[in-house]
């Protein structure tokens, strides 16, 4: 099993200085490779204390220089907020700097505050994502970018030319069921964060697998799963603190995404999310946060392994990304949970036999050879 370390740079209610958050989160991230993690991940967000990583590729470039062999994952680059030409260039540079260690994760974004901050119509979010994803995927495979209904991009080379294919190491976050056939048609794997009933997740995967086989004529790739993890050898303490911090995290998510607002889920192609708002309205924010926490792998080492095993049986993932520091928990507490995981959980996960993550293969259309 591939096991990654996630970094999200949260600063709820600005309880700390942003300087302290970055210093501490980087300190923990730099421990990931020596502790035995296989990859380091972060996610793009803007403008609030929810996640202070506005440029995930810049963060991963820093980590490329601080590490030697771990893979570097974006969970996610939000394509509608970017010029896809620049994303293609930045990804190619990072892959060169890291000698092919990039795992590219893409998404379309959900928060109104972020779309409005970039002066974009959120009703166009899905259309922009699909167009930009197609342009980006083709650019990284062919070495040039061209086309697009909205973008109308003139043909331009991506320099430095991509030197390895991103097929098999490109993923996308998908929560709504309508996203499943889109991601399958794009030929990208799935990034999953547990946040809805597992029976519903199974139905989503059935759609994804069906469309993948129809479009790509191959077997679909195994997904990767992200999780908020809390581990303690004492069962009672583990449960008390896990629910304290994981529910606190979900409250930060509800605030950032304005899940209780009438506008949440009102934009075109985001209608699925209105069900989340309705659920919160019926049951309350605390119950919604409790339900989210119940899906996560927390508890004693054995309990955490049992939960990961359950998730594996549902979605058959071959990689996980674990977040240990979130919701403003003290950094010594995050590190204690991390060290407990490394001592008792990580060695067992590494024994689980599963299909390895795809390694960078040759490009379909190799870049031109250097002139003599």
Foldseek 3Di string as FASTA:
>chain_A
DAEAAEAFQAQPPVPDPSVVSVVLSVVVQLVQVVLPHQEYEYEADDDDRLGPDPDQLVVQLVVLVSDQGHAYEYQAAAQVLDDLLVVLQSVQVSCVSNVQRYQYEYEQDFAPVRCVVSVHACLCRVVRRLQSLLQSLVCLQAQWGADGPVPRDHIDGRPVRRFFHNQLRYEYEDDDLVCLLSRLLSNHAYEEEDQDDLVVVLVSVVNNQVNNCVRVVDGHDAHEYEFEEFEDQDQVVFVVVLLVFQLLSVVSVCVRRVLCDPCRLVHHPSVVSVVVNVVCVVPNSSVSSNVSSVLGQIGYLVSNQVSVVVVCVRRVHPYYYYYQDDSPDDSVSSVVRVVNCSVRRVVVSVPDDDDDRDGTHGRPHGDDDDDD
